[in-house]
C-alpha atoms as a PDB file:
ATOM      1  CA  GLN A   1       0.000   0.000   0.000  1.00  0.00           C
ATOM      2  CA  VAL A   2       1.275   3.449  -0.969  1.00  0.00           C
ATOM      3  CA  GLU A   3       0.749   6.472   1.249  1.00  0.00           C
ATOM      4  CA  LEU A   4       1.206  10.111   0.340  1.00  0.00           C
ATOM      5  CA  VAL A   5       1.946  12.934   2.751  1.00  0.00           C
ATOM      6  CA  GLU A   6       1.485  16.455   1.469  1.00  0.00           C
ATOM      7  CA  SER A   7       2.702  19.683   2.995  1.00  0.00           C
ATOM      8  CA  GLY A   8       3.309  23.308   2.174  1.00  0.00           C
ATOM      9  CA  GLY A   9      -0.107  24.816   1.616  1.00  0.00           C
ATOM     10  CA  GLY A  10      -1.244  28.021   3.257  1.00  0.00           C
ATOM     11  CA  LEU A  11      -2.346  31.607   2.817  1.00  0.00           C
ATOM     12  CA  VAL A  12      -0.347  33.981   0.660  1.00  0.00           C
ATOM     13  CA  GLN A  13      -0.909  37.341  -0.972  1.00  0.00           C
ATOM     14  CA  ALA A  14      -1.202  37.678  -4.713  1.00  0.00           C
ATOM     15  CA  GLY A  15       2.223  37.718  -6.296  1.00  0.00           C
ATOM     16  CA  GLY A  16       3.666  35.555  -3.545  1.00  0.00           C
ATOM     17  CA  SER A  17       5.110  32.065  -3.619  1.00  0.00           C
ATOM     18  CA  LEU A  18       4.515  28.697  -2.025  1.00  0.00           C
ATOM     19  CA  ARG A  19       6.178  25.322  -2.297  1.00  0.00           C
ATOM     20  CA  LEU A  20       4.186  22.124  -1.990  1.00  0.00           C
ATOM     21  CA  SER A  21       5.756  18.773  -1.174  1.00  0.00           C
ATOM     22  CA  CYS A  22       4.406  15.253  -1.484  1.00  0.00           C
ATOM     23  CA  ALA A  23       6.291  12.254  -0.141  1.00  0.00           C
ATOM     24  CA  ALA A  24       5.326   8.726  -1.172  1.00  0.00           C
ATOM     25  CA  SER A  25       6.041   5.747   1.055  1.00  0.00           C
ATOM     26  CA  GLY A  26       5.046   2.109   1.392  1.00  0.00           C
ATOM     27  CA  ARG A  27       5.058  -0.687  -1.155  1.00  0.00           C
ATOM     28  CA  ILE A  28       6.367   1.189  -4.167  1.00  0.00           C
ATOM     29  CA  PHE A  29       7.519  -0.893  -7.112  1.00  0.00           C
ATOM     30  CA  ARG A  30       7.923   1.603  -9.902  1.00  0.00           C
ATOM     31  CA  ILE A  31       6.546   5.100 -10.139  1.00  0.00           C
ATOM     32  CA  MET A  32       5.173   6.005 -13.541  1.00  0.00           C
ATOM     33  CA  SER A  33       4.268   9.561 -12.701  1.00  0.00           C
ATOM     34  CA  MET A  34       3.856  12.020  -9.856  1.00  0.00           C
ATOM     35  CA  GLY A  35       1.755  15.104 -10.190  1.00  0.00           C
ATOM     36  CA  TRP A  36      -0.481  17.746  -8.735  1.00  0.00           C
ATOM     37  CA  HIS A  37      -4.133  18.423  -9.341  1.00  0.00           C
ATOM     38  CA  ARG A  38      -6.322  21.088  -7.818  1.00  0.00           C
ATOM     39  CA  GLN A  39      -9.978  21.635  -7.137  1.00  0.00           C
ATOM     40  CA  ALA A  40     -11.544  25.008  -6.504  1.00  0.00           C
ATOM     41  CA  PRO A  41     -14.998  25.354  -4.918  1.00  0.00           C
ATOM     42  CA  GLY A  42     -17.698  24.525  -7.414  1.00  0.00           C
ATOM     43  CA  LYS A  43     -15.229  23.394 -10.042  1.00  0.00           C
ATOM     44  CA  GLN A  44     -13.942  20.068 -11.275  1.00  0.00           C
ATOM     45  CA  ARG A  45     -10.564  18.756 -10.265  1.00  0.00           C
ATOM     46  CA  GLU A  46      -7.960  19.702 -12.856  1.00  0.00           C
ATOM     47  CA  LEU A  47      -4.402  18.717 -13.628  1.00  0.00           C
ATOM     48  CA  VAL A  48      -1.862  21.350 -12.624  1.00  0.00           C
ATOM     49  CA  ALA A  49       1.435  19.632 -13.399  1.00  0.00           C
ATOM     50  CA  ILE A  50       2.816  16.144 -13.903  1.00  0.00           C
ATOM     51  CA  PHE A  51       6.304  14.650 -13.767  1.00  0.00           C
ATOM     52  CA  ARG A  52       6.676  11.378 -15.673  1.00  0.00           C
ATOM     53  CA  SER A  53       9.220   8.648 -15.014  1.00  0.00           C
ATOM     54  CA  GLY A  54      11.183   9.519 -18.162  1.00  0.00           C
ATOM     55  CA  GLY A  55      11.645  13.054 -16.893  1.00  0.00           C
ATOM     56  CA  SER A  56       9.074  14.791 -19.058  1.00  0.00           C
ATOM     57  CA  THR A  57       6.700  17.313 -17.545  1.00  0.00           C
ATOM     58  CA  ASN A  58       3.405  18.874 -18.501  1.00  0.00           C
ATOM     59  CA  TYR A  59       1.620  21.906 -17.097  1.00  0.00           C
ATOM     60  CA  ALA A  60      -1.813  23.387 -17.298  1.00  0.00           C
ATOM     61  CA  ASP A  61      -1.779  26.438 -19.555  1.00  0.00           C
ATOM     62  CA  SER A  62      -2.923  28.590 -16.649  1.00  0.00           C
ATOM     63  CA  VAL A  63       0.241  27.883 -14.629  1.00  0.00           C
ATOM     64  CA  LYS A  64       2.915  27.702 -17.325  1.00  0.00           C
ATOM     65  CA  GLY A  65       5.799  30.002 -16.564  1.00  0.00           C
ATOM     66  CA  ARG A  66       4.740  30.388 -12.934  1.00  0.00           C
ATOM     67  CA  PHE A  67       4.772  26.858 -11.494  1.00  0.00           C
ATOM     68  CA  THR A  68       7.586  24.323 -11.600  1.00  0.00           C
ATOM     69  CA  ILE A  69       7.278  20.651 -10.777  1.00  0.00           C
ATOM     70  CA  SER A  70      10.295  18.645  -9.716  1.00  0.00           C
ATOM     71  CA  ARG A  71      11.017  15.276  -8.180  1.00  0.00           C
ATOM     72  CA  ASP A  72      13.594  13.818  -5.851  1.00  0.00           C
ATOM     73  CA  GLY A  73      13.736  10.210  -6.962  1.00  0.00           C
ATOM     74  CA  THR A  74      15.837   9.130  -4.020  1.00  0.00           C
ATOM     75  CA  LYS A  75      13.080  10.243  -1.654  1.00  0.00           C
ATOM     76  CA  ASN A  76      10.053   9.490  -3.852  1.00  0.00           C
ATOM     77  CA  THR A  77       9.058  13.096  -3.303  1.00  0.00           C
ATOM     78  CA  VAL A  78       7.525  15.539  -5.737  1.00  0.00           C
ATOM     79  CA  TYR A  79       7.533  19.302  -5.315  1.00  0.00           C
ATOM     80  CA  LEU A  80       5.481  22.098  -6.815  1.00  0.00           C
ATOM     81  CA  GLU A  81       7.097  25.507  -6.719  1.00  0.00           C
ATOM     82  CA  MET A  82       4.392  28.123  -7.218  1.00  0.00           C
ATOM     83  CA  ASN A  83       5.389  31.695  -8.012  1.00  0.00           C
ATOM     84  CA  SER A  84       3.444  34.801  -8.980  1.00  0.00           C
ATOM     85  CA  LEU A  85       0.375  33.333  -7.365  1.00  0.00           C
ATOM     86  CA  LYS A  86      -3.014  34.683  -8.340  1.00  0.00           C
ATOM     87  CA  PRO A  87      -6.349  34.587  -6.491  1.00  0.00           C
ATOM     88  CA  GLU A  88      -7.608  32.156  -9.132  1.00  0.00           C
ATOM     89  CA  ASP A  89      -4.957  29.683  -7.972  1.00  0.00           C
ATOM     90  CA  THR A  90      -6.918  29.267  -4.749  1.00  0.00           C
ATOM     91  CA  ALA A  91      -7.905  25.623  -4.424  1.00  0.00           C
ATOM     92  CA  VAL A  92      -7.245  22.389  -2.623  1.00  0.00           C
ATOM     93  CA  TYR A  93      -4.151  20.864  -4.193  1.00  0.00           C
ATOM     94  CA  TYR A  94      -3.916  17.083  -4.394  1.00  0.00           C
ATOM     95  CA  CYS A  95      -0.833  15.029  -4.980  1.00  0.00           C
ATOM     96  CA  ASN A  96      -1.249  12.067  -7.325  1.00  0.00           C
ATOM     97  CA  VAL A  97       1.079   9.130  -7.869  1.00  0.00           C
ATOM     98  CA  VAL A  98       0.730   6.333 -10.400  1.00  0.00           C
ATOM     99  CA  THR A  99       2.706   3.187  -9.660  1.00  0.00           C
ATOM    100  CA  VAL A 100       3.000  -0.105 -11.481  1.00  0.00           C
ATOM    101  CA  GLY A 101       3.671  -3.521 -10.014  1.00  0.00           C
ATOM    102  CA  ASN A 102       1.313  -6.376 -10.726  1.00  0.00           C
ATOM    103  CA  SER A 103      -1.172  -3.692 -11.737  1.00  0.00           C
ATOM    104  CA  ILE A 104      -1.350   0.051 -12.234  1.00  0.00           C
ATOM    105  CA  VAL A 105      -2.344   1.822  -9.054  1.00  0.00           C
ATOM    106  CA  THR A 106      -3.301   5.463  -8.684  1.00  0.00           C
ATOM    107  CA  VAL A 107      -2.981   7.008  -5.250  1.00  0.00           C
ATOM    108  CA  TRP A 108      -4.219  10.410  -4.093  1.00  0.00           C
ATOM    109  CA  GLY A 109      -3.052  12.532  -1.209  1.00  0.00           C
ATOM    110  CA  GLN A 110      -5.393  14.073   1.321  1.00  0.00           C
ATOM    111  CA  GLY A 111      -5.121  17.527  -0.200  1.00  0.00           C
ATOM    112  CA  THR A 112      -3.627  20.775   1.027  1.00  0.00           C
ATOM    113  CA  GLN A 113      -5.362  24.148   0.908  1.00  0.00           C
ATOM    114  CA  VAL A 114      -3.776  27.007  -0.996  1.00  0.00           C
ATOM    115  CA  THR A 115      -5.430  30.393  -0.581  1.00  0.00           C
ATOM    116  CA  VAL A 116      -4.250  33.453  -2.478  1.00  0.00           C
ATOM    117  CA  SER A 117      -5.632  36.779  -1.286  1.00  0.00           C
ATOM    118  CA  SER A 118      -5.950  39.773  -3.570  1.00  0.00           C
END
């Protein structure tokens, strides 16, 4: 069983920065991808950024140039550096990890609140 522990959310003023962390532990065979999604009130959960096992990354258009995803493979930890934050970035941010062993397993973190005040 894989567990995810997220940290780093909080309240910040517009234009500020935050760094989210997500550490995976447990029975991890091979990680295919680690990423971040977010869900704002009344909206669907959306992909923010993803880091794939080959090293490629993808970002939502709304965060390109402001957010950076990175991974420490030795610690099975993924980070999301968020700069130039905007009020519309306010949401609960969820870490997501896809692992493969005998089957493909998707695991979600508990979520961390990010609030950007104007």
